[in-house]
Amino acid sequence: MKKILVWETLSLVAGGQKMTLTVLDMLKDKYVFHCLIPEKGVLSNELDKRGISYTLMGNQTMPTGIKGKSMIFRYGWLSLKAVARGIRVINRENPDIIYAPGPAALPWSAFCGLLRGKSVIWHLHHLFLDGATIKLINFCSGWKSVKKIISVSNIVGEQINNSKGKVKKITIYNPVDSEKYTNGDGNTIFSELGIDRNGKLIIGQIALLQPSKRQDVVIRTVEELWCRGVNAYAFLVGQTREEDKSYQDRLLHIVEEKGIEDRVFFLGQRNDVPNILSAIDVLMIPSSFEGFPLAGLEACAAGVPVLGADIGGSREFIEVSQSGRCFEYDNAEEAATAVVDVLTSEIRKIVIENGVKFSKQHTMDAYKSDIARVFCNVV
């Protein structure tokens, strides 16, 4: 079988890594995989379960934007080390394709592919926040080593405007296993937390605890609803990386300062997302940049309305799924109004029906067919 080298740059499992694992599961009968990952963690545990080999590359964590001379120097040094290690693994494993879903690995994979004559597939999940990063990605996208560029949404793909790179683009929306999310038991969450479900409006967010995900907007929305006489609570689900501990501390301080400690629950990394979705009334996606929210798809499958910031991939998600409403970015008052609006009985019924329909249109089988076609055409 042909071999694929998968270059991931995080050791945890968030939305992007979930999709990487999904691709590996879908193509395991056709290809052999070897992964490049930073260090042992949740992702390595998942690879171990699947019997997929991997090489530890060391910390490859970088902000998605390059800012200032010191950051450019740091990225350059990190890139030299990553490329050198990548070349050694390529020489040893001799893959047929390099598959790069990790944002930092996009230029690294292109350069390694160019040096070693390997075909590269990019999978873009992110919106990049500054011009320097976009220029670098566009520059590399035109190289002959990069054969195909998969984007998770149209707005993510629009970042590639290089004439040579544009012709390589294809948009494939993320899929969802609808059945997995339709039978959650929300009562288990309320029992765990020791609170009663009755009379409460539960807002959920499922995302890494990091500044770009804007959990503070959810907290402020809960406060705003509470001030309007709505008995609102928040369930914040997601892991905190070591470098984002200070952000988590700020969120805890905001909650304490507003006096709503008993209304905001930090639930950490969870393996029972179907139960979480069953427990909440609405999912919020307030992120400052979002490619195409996997949590939104999961909410659609579970019959949960979705509210998204009117920006980036969250806006595109609401537009194409018709599963909820948009609110102005960083506007908790407007978000609170959207919560009340979307939970009005008639509107709620419509958006839930739209969301369920959308989730059934983006099945695992359809995605497998689309992804397999991309890899088949590149090999």
Protein backbone atom coordinates (compact mmCIF):
# COMPACT_ATOMS: atom_id res chain seq x y z
CA MET A 1 0.00 0.00 0.00
CA LYS A 2 1.00 3.61 -0.54
CA LYS A 3 2.31 5.49 2.49
CA ILE A 4 1.18 8.89 3.75
CA LEU A 5 3.18 11.06 6.13
CA VAL A 6 0.79 13.13 8.27
CA TRP A 7 2.23 16.33 9.76
CA GLU A 8 0.34 17.55 12.83
CA THR A 9 1.63 20.37 15.01
CA LEU A 10 -0.47 19.90 18.16
CA SER A 11 -0.41 17.00 20.62
CA LEU A 12 -3.97 17.46 21.87
CA VAL A 13 -7.22 16.62 20.10
CA ALA A 14 -9.31 19.66 19.18
CA GLY A 15 -11.49 20.16 16.08
CA GLY A 16 -8.64 19.98 13.56
CA GLN A 17 -7.10 16.88 15.11
CA LYS A 18 -10.53 15.22 15.24
CA MET A 19 -10.73 15.67 11.49
CA THR A 20 -7.20 14.34 11.00
CA LEU A 21 -8.15 11.19 12.91
CA THR A 22 -11.33 10.95 10.85
CA VAL A 23 -9.30 11.04 7.62
CA LEU A 24 -6.95 8.35 8.95
CA ASP A 25 -9.88 6.13 9.91
CA MET A 26 -11.52 6.57 6.53
CA LEU A 27 -8.43 5.80 4.46
CA LYS A 28 -6.79 3.12 6.61
CA ASP A 29 -7.77 0.35 4.18
CA LYS A 30 -6.05 2.08 1.28
CA TYR A 31 -2.95 3.66 2.81
CA VAL A 32 -0.32 3.16 5.50
CA PHE A 33 0.18 6.18 7.77
CA HIS A 34 3.06 7.57 9.76
CA CYS A 35 2.52 10.77 11.76
CA LEU A 36 4.72 13.63 12.86
CA ILE A 37 3.48 15.02 16.18
CA PRO A 38 5.09 17.33 18.75
CA GLU A 39 4.99 15.12 21.85
CA LYS A 40 3.04 12.44 23.63
CA GLY A 41 -0.48 13.41 24.68
CA VAL A 42 -4.10 12.83 23.76
CA LEU A 43 -3.30 12.63 20.05
CA SER A 44 -0.55 10.01 20.53
CA ASN A 45 -2.99 7.99 22.65
CA GLU A 46 -5.47 8.00 19.79
CA LEU A 47 -2.77 6.95 17.33
CA ASP A 48 -1.71 4.13 19.67
CA LYS A 49 -5.30 2.86 19.76
CA ARG A 50 -5.27 2.73 15.97
CA GLY A 51 -1.85 1.11 15.71
CA ILE A 52 -0.48 4.08 13.73
CA SER A 53 3.22 4.81 14.12
CA TYR A 54 4.52 8.30 14.80
CA THR A 55 7.66 10.33 15.34
CA LEU A 56 7.93 12.92 18.12
CA MET A 57 9.14 16.19 16.61
CA GLY A 58 9.35 18.35 19.72
CA ASN A 59 7.30 21.44 20.45
CA GLN A 60 6.05 23.02 17.22
CA THR A 61 3.58 25.42 18.79
CA MET A 62 3.43 28.80 17.11
CA PRO A 63 0.80 31.52 16.94
CA THR A 64 -1.03 31.47 13.61
CA GLY A 65 0.23 35.02 12.94
CA ILE A 66 3.81 36.26 12.66
CA LYS A 67 4.26 39.54 14.53
CA GLY A 68 7.45 41.53 14.90
CA LYS A 69 11.08 40.71 14.29
CA SER A 70 11.43 38.48 17.35
CA MET A 71 8.50 36.36 16.24
CA ILE A 72 9.90 36.08 12.72
CA PHE A 73 13.24 34.97 14.15
CA ARG A 74 11.51 32.44 16.40
CA TYR A 75 9.49 31.07 13.51
CA GLY A 76 12.59 30.89 11.32
CA TRP A 77 14.55 28.93 13.92
CA LEU A 78 11.60 26.63 14.58
CA SER A 79 11.22 26.10 10.84
CA LEU A 80 14.86 25.13 10.36
CA LYS A 81 14.58 22.50 13.09
CA ALA A 82 11.23 21.23 11.81
CA VAL A 83 12.41 20.91 8.21
CA ALA A 84 15.63 19.15 9.24
CA ARG A 85 13.71 16.63 11.34
CA GLY A 86 11.07 16.27 8.65
CA ILE A 87 13.68 15.46 6.00
CA ARG A 88 15.18 12.76 8.23
CA VAL A 89 11.77 11.12 8.69
CA ILE A 90 10.98 11.38 4.98
CA ASN A 91 14.28 9.70 4.12
CA ARG A 92 13.52 6.91 6.58
CA GLU A 93 9.79 6.40 5.85
CA ASN A 94 9.83 7.22 2.12
CA PRO A 95 6.17 8.33 1.93
CA ASP A 96 4.27 8.78 -1.31
CA ILE A 97 2.34 11.79 0.01
CA ILE A 98 2.89 14.37 2.74
CA TYR A 99 -0.45 15.40 4.23
CA ALA A 100 -0.32 18.65 6.23
CA PRO A 101 -3.39 19.62 8.27
CA GLY A 102 -1.37 21.52 10.90
CA PRO A 103 -1.15 25.27 10.09
CA ALA A 104 2.54 25.67 10.97
CA ALA A 105 3.35 22.58 8.89
CA LEU A 106 1.98 24.02 5.64
CA PRO A 107 5.19 25.77 4.50
CA TRP A 108 7.39 23.11 6.13
CA SER A 109 5.68 20.29 4.23
CA ALA A 110 5.86 22.22 0.96
CA PHE A 111 9.59 22.84 1.40
CA CYS A 112 10.33 19.23 2.39
CA GLY A 113 8.26 17.98 -0.52
CA LEU A 114 10.18 20.24 -2.87
CA LEU A 115 13.55 19.03 -1.57
CA ARG A 116 12.68 15.32 -1.62
CA GLY A 117 10.38 15.22 -4.66
CA LYS A 118 7.26 14.31 -2.67
CA SER A 119 3.65 15.28 -3.41
CA VAL A 120 2.00 17.39 -0.74
CA ILE A 121 -1.66 17.83 0.19
CA TRP A 122 -2.62 20.75 2.41
CA HIS A 123 -5.77 20.75 4.52
CA LEU A 124 -6.65 24.28 5.60
CA HIS A 125 -8.77 24.56 8.75
CA HIS A 126 -7.81 28.07 9.85
CA LEU A 127 -8.21 31.74 9.08
CA PHE A 128 -4.84 33.43 9.37
CA LEU A 129 -4.81 36.76 11.15
CA ASP A 130 -2.04 38.77 9.53
CA GLY A 131 -0.69 39.60 6.12
CA ALA A 132 2.76 38.07 6.66
CA THR A 133 1.34 34.61 7.29
CA ILE A 134 -1.03 34.82 4.33
CA LYS A 135 1.81 35.96 2.06
CA LEU A 136 3.98 33.03 3.19
CA ILE A 137 1.19 30.49 2.66
CA ASN A 138 0.38 31.93 -0.76
CA PHE A 139 4.04 31.92 -1.78
CA CYS A 140 4.40 28.26 -0.85
CA SER A 141 1.05 27.28 -2.37
CA GLY A 142 2.42 27.88 -5.84
CA TRP A 143 5.29 25.40 -5.47
CA LYS A 144 5.09 22.26 -7.59
CA SER A 145 5.30 20.04 -4.50
CA VAL A 146 1.85 21.23 -3.34
CA LYS A 147 -0.56 19.26 -5.49
CA LYS A 148 -3.91 19.90 -3.78
CA ILE A 149 -5.27 22.33 -1.20
CA ILE A 150 -8.37 21.23 0.70
CA SER A 151 -10.19 23.98 2.60
CA VAL A 152 -12.92 23.41 5.18
CA SER A 153 -14.94 26.39 3.96
CA ASN A 154 -15.06 28.86 1.12
CA ILE A 155 -13.79 31.71 3.27
CA VAL A 156 -10.78 29.65 4.36
CA GLY A 157 -10.02 28.82 0.73
CA GLU A 158 -10.28 32.48 -0.29
CA GLN A 159 -7.04 33.12 1.59
CA ILE A 160 -5.21 31.38 -1.27
CA ASN A 161 -5.16 34.00 -4.01
CA ASN A 162 -1.88 33.07 -5.69
CA SER A 163 -2.72 32.27 -9.33
CA LYS A 164 -0.83 28.96 -9.14
CA GLY A 165 -2.33 28.04 -5.80
CA LYS A 166 -5.93 28.94 -6.66
CA VAL A 167 -6.24 26.19 -9.24
CA LYS A 168 -5.30 23.59 -6.63
CA LYS A 169 -8.12 24.50 -4.21
CA ILE A 170 -11.17 22.46 -3.34
CA THR A 171 -13.69 23.13 -0.56
CA ILE A 172 -14.91 20.09 1.36
CA TYR A 173 -17.07 20.85 4.37
CA ASN A 174 -16.40 18.77 7.46
CA PRO A 175 -18.69 15.77 8.01
CA VAL A 176 -20.53 14.62 11.11
CA ASP A 177 -21.62 11.21 12.37
CA SER A 178 -25.27 12.16 12.89
CA GLU A 179 -26.24 9.03 14.78
CA LYS A 180 -23.49 9.55 17.34
CA TYR A 181 -24.96 12.86 18.51
CA THR A 182 -28.68 12.10 18.48
CA ASN A 183 -28.85 9.94 21.59
CA GLY A 184 -27.02 11.93 24.26
CA ASP A 185 -28.22 11.90 27.85
CA GLY A 186 -28.06 15.40 29.29
CA ASN A 187 -29.31 14.24 32.68
CA THR A 188 -25.90 12.72 33.38
CA ILE A 189 -24.33 16.20 33.13
CA PHE A 190 -26.83 17.77 35.52
CA SER A 191 -26.37 14.91 37.97
CA GLU A 192 -22.59 15.33 37.79
CA LEU A 193 -22.85 19.07 38.46
CA GLY A 194 -25.50 18.66 41.15
CA ILE A 195 -27.95 21.12 39.60
CA ASP A 196 -31.56 20.83 38.50
CA ARG A 197 -32.40 21.15 34.80
CA ASN A 198 -35.81 22.76 35.22
CA GLY A 199 -36.21 26.45 34.50
CA LYS A 200 -32.68 27.00 33.22
CA LEU A 201 -31.40 28.20 29.85
CA ILE A 202 -28.07 26.53 29.14
CA ILE A 203 -25.60 28.06 26.70
CA GLY A 204 -22.79 25.76 25.61
CA GLN A 205 -19.44 26.31 23.97
CA ILE A 206 -17.14 23.49 22.87
CA ALA A 207 -13.66 24.77 22.05
CA LEU A 208 -10.12 25.01 23.34
CA LEU A 209 -9.82 27.57 26.12
CA GLN A 210 -7.71 30.11 24.28
CA PRO A 211 -8.13 33.83 23.59
CA SER A 212 -9.27 33.43 19.98
CA LYS A 213 -12.23 31.29 21.05
CA ARG A 214 -13.65 34.17 23.11
CA GLN A 215 -15.23 32.29 26.01
CA ASP A 216 -15.47 35.71 27.68
CA VAL A 217 -18.28 36.60 25.26
CA VAL A 218 -20.30 33.61 26.46
CA ILE A 219 -19.73 34.68 30.07
CA ARG A 220 -20.84 38.24 29.34
CA THR A 221 -23.89 36.89 27.48
CA VAL A 222 -24.90 34.87 30.54
CA GLU A 223 -24.59 38.01 32.66
CA GLU A 224 -26.64 40.02 30.16
CA LEU A 225 -29.42 37.42 30.08
CA TRP A 226 -29.40 37.20 33.86
CA CYS A 227 -29.85 40.98 34.05
CA ARG A 228 -32.85 40.61 31.72
CA GLY A 229 -34.42 38.11 34.07
CA VAL A 230 -33.43 34.99 32.12
CA ASN A 231 -32.12 32.13 34.26
CA ALA A 232 -29.06 31.55 32.05
CA TYR A 233 -26.08 29.25 32.66
CA ALA A 234 -22.97 28.39 30.62
CA PHE A 235 -21.21 25.07 30.09
CA LEU A 236 -17.71 25.75 28.74
CA VAL A 237 -16.15 22.58 27.37
CA GLY A 238 -12.54 22.42 26.25
CA GLN A 239 -8.94 21.77 27.20
CA THR A 240 -6.53 24.51 28.24
CA ARG A 241 -3.01 24.38 26.83
CA GLU A 242 -0.16 25.30 29.15
CA GLU A 243 0.52 28.54 27.28
CA ASP A 244 -3.13 29.57 27.74
CA LYS A 245 -3.35 29.05 31.51
CA SER A 246 -3.26 32.81 32.06
CA TYR A 247 -6.30 33.18 29.79
CA GLN A 248 -8.19 30.60 31.85
CA ASP A 249 -7.25 32.53 34.98
CA ARG A 250 -8.65 35.72 33.41
CA LEU A 251 -11.92 33.95 32.63
CA LEU A 252 -12.20 32.72 36.20
CA HIS A 253 -11.53 36.25 37.41
CA ILE A 254 -14.26 37.66 35.13
CA VAL A 255 -16.75 35.12 36.44
CA GLU A 256 -15.86 35.92 40.03
CA GLU A 257 -15.92 39.66 39.41
CA LYS A 258 -19.42 39.45 37.93
CA GLY A 259 -20.63 37.25 40.77
CA ILE A 260 -21.83 34.43 38.54
CA GLU A 261 -19.58 31.61 39.76
CA ASP A 262 -22.62 29.38 40.24
CA ARG A 263 -23.76 29.98 36.65
CA VAL A 264 -20.62 29.29 34.63
CA PHE A 265 -19.16 25.77 34.61
CA PHE A 266 -15.70 25.00 33.21
CA LEU A 267 -16.00 21.35 32.23
CA GLY A 268 -12.57 20.78 30.67
CA GLN A 269 -11.81 18.14 28.04
CA ARG A 270 -14.76 15.76 27.66
CA ASN A 271 -15.37 12.43 25.98
CA ASP A 272 -19.16 12.71 26.30
CA VAL A 273 -19.97 15.52 23.86
CA PRO A 274 -23.33 13.92 22.89
CA ASN A 275 -24.39 14.22 26.54
CA ILE A 276 -23.17 17.83 26.67
CA LEU A 277 -25.17 18.70 23.56
CA SER A 278 -28.24 17.02 25.01
CA ALA A 279 -27.89 19.18 28.12
CA ILE A 280 -27.65 22.59 26.42
CA ASP A 281 -30.30 24.76 24.77
CA VAL A 282 -28.04 26.58 22.35
CA LEU A 283 -24.43 26.36 21.17
CA MET A 284 -22.43 29.58 20.87
CA ILE A 285 -19.48 30.12 18.52
CA PRO A 286 -18.11 33.59 19.38
CA SER A 287 -14.59 32.98 18.02
CA SER A 288 -12.52 35.76 16.50
CA PHE A 289 -11.53 33.42 13.68
CA GLU A 290 -13.09 30.09 12.82
CA GLY A 291 -12.56 28.00 9.70
CA PHE A 292 -15.72 25.91 9.81
CA PRO A 293 -16.87 24.90 13.29
CA LEU A 294 -17.01 21.14 13.83
CA ALA A 295 -18.91 21.73 17.07
CA GLY A 296 -21.59 23.49 15.04
CA LEU A 297 -22.06 20.40 12.88
CA GLU A 298 -22.29 18.21 15.97
CA ALA A 299 -24.91 20.56 17.42
CA CYS A 300 -26.92 20.37 14.19
CA ALA A 301 -26.93 16.58 14.39
CA ALA A 302 -28.06 16.77 18.02
CA GLY A 303 -30.90 19.16 17.22
CA VAL A 304 -29.36 22.14 19.02
CA PRO A 305 -29.64 25.69 17.58
CA VAL A 306 -26.34 27.44 16.84
CA LEU A 307 -25.37 31.08 17.35
CA GLY A 308 -22.25 32.31 15.58
CA ALA A 309 -20.29 35.53 15.52
CA ASP A 310 -20.90 37.39 12.27
CA ILE A 311 -17.34 36.80 11.09
CA GLY A 312 -15.31 34.23 9.17
CA GLY A 313 -16.27 30.59 9.04
CA SER A 314 -18.90 30.85 11.76
CA ARG A 315 -20.89 33.23 9.58
CA GLU A 316 -20.51 30.92 6.57
CA PHE A 317 -21.63 28.00 8.72
CA ILE A 318 -24.83 29.77 9.82
CA GLU A 319 -25.52 30.89 6.25
CA VAL A 320 -25.17 27.47 4.65
CA SER A 321 -26.77 25.44 7.45
CA GLN A 322 -29.54 27.90 8.40
CA SER A 323 -29.27 26.31 11.85
CA GLY A 324 -29.38 29.46 13.94
CA ARG A 325 -28.52 33.13 13.99
CA CYS A 326 -25.48 35.38 13.72
CA PHE A 327 -24.66 38.15 16.18
CA GLU A 328 -22.21 41.02 15.93
CA TYR A 329 -18.71 39.93 16.91
CA ASP A 330 -17.81 40.73 20.54
CA ASN A 331 -21.33 42.04 21.24
CA ALA A 332 -22.77 40.22 24.26
CA GLU A 333 -25.96 42.29 24.22
CA GLU A 334 -26.72 41.30 20.64
CA ALA A 335 -25.77 37.69 21.43
CA ALA A 336 -28.24 37.66 24.32
CA THR A 337 -30.98 38.98 22.05
CA ALA A 338 -30.11 36.28 19.49
CA VAL A 339 -30.37 33.60 22.19
CA VAL A 340 -33.87 34.71 23.14
CA ASP A 341 -34.85 35.06 19.47
CA VAL A 342 -33.60 31.66 18.34
CA LEU A 343 -35.31 29.89 21.23
CA THR A 344 -38.71 31.32 20.35
CA SER A 345 -40.79 28.20 19.74
CA GLU A 346 -41.47 28.65 16.00
CA ILE A 347 -37.95 29.84 15.12
CA ARG A 348 -36.40 27.10 17.25
CA LYS A 349 -38.37 24.46 15.37
CA ILE A 350 -37.25 25.80 11.99
CA VAL A 351 -33.55 26.14 12.81
CA ILE A 352 -33.44 22.68 14.40
CA GLU A 353 -35.03 21.13 11.30
CA ASN A 354 -32.57 23.01 9.08
CA GLY A 355 -29.62 21.89 11.19
CA VAL A 356 -30.62 18.24 11.23
CA LYS A 357 -31.12 18.35 7.45
CA PHE A 358 -27.69 19.95 6.97
CA SER A 359 -25.97 17.35 9.15
CA LYS A 360 -27.56 14.54 7.13
CA GLN A 361 -26.26 16.11 3.92
CA HIS A 362 -22.67 16.02 5.22
CA THR A 363 -22.29 12.38 6.08
CA MET A 364 -19.16 10.41 6.79
CA ASP A 365 -19.69 8.33 3.66
CA ALA A 366 -19.93 11.36 1.38
CA TYR A 367 -16.84 12.91 2.98
CA LYS A 368 -14.90 9.66 2.66
CA SER A 369 -15.66 9.56 -1.04
CA ASP A 370 -14.54 13.17 -1.56
CA ILE A 371 -11.35 12.81 0.46
CA ALA A 372 -10.42 9.46 -1.11
CA ARG A 373 -10.79 11.03 -4.55
CA VAL A 374 -8.35 13.81 -3.66
CA PHE A 375 -5.68 11.38 -2.42
CA CYS A 376 -6.23 8.99 -5.32
CA ASN A 377 -5.73 11.80 -7.84
CA VAL A 378 -2.49 12.93 -6.18
CA VAL A 379 -0.80 9.52 -5.73
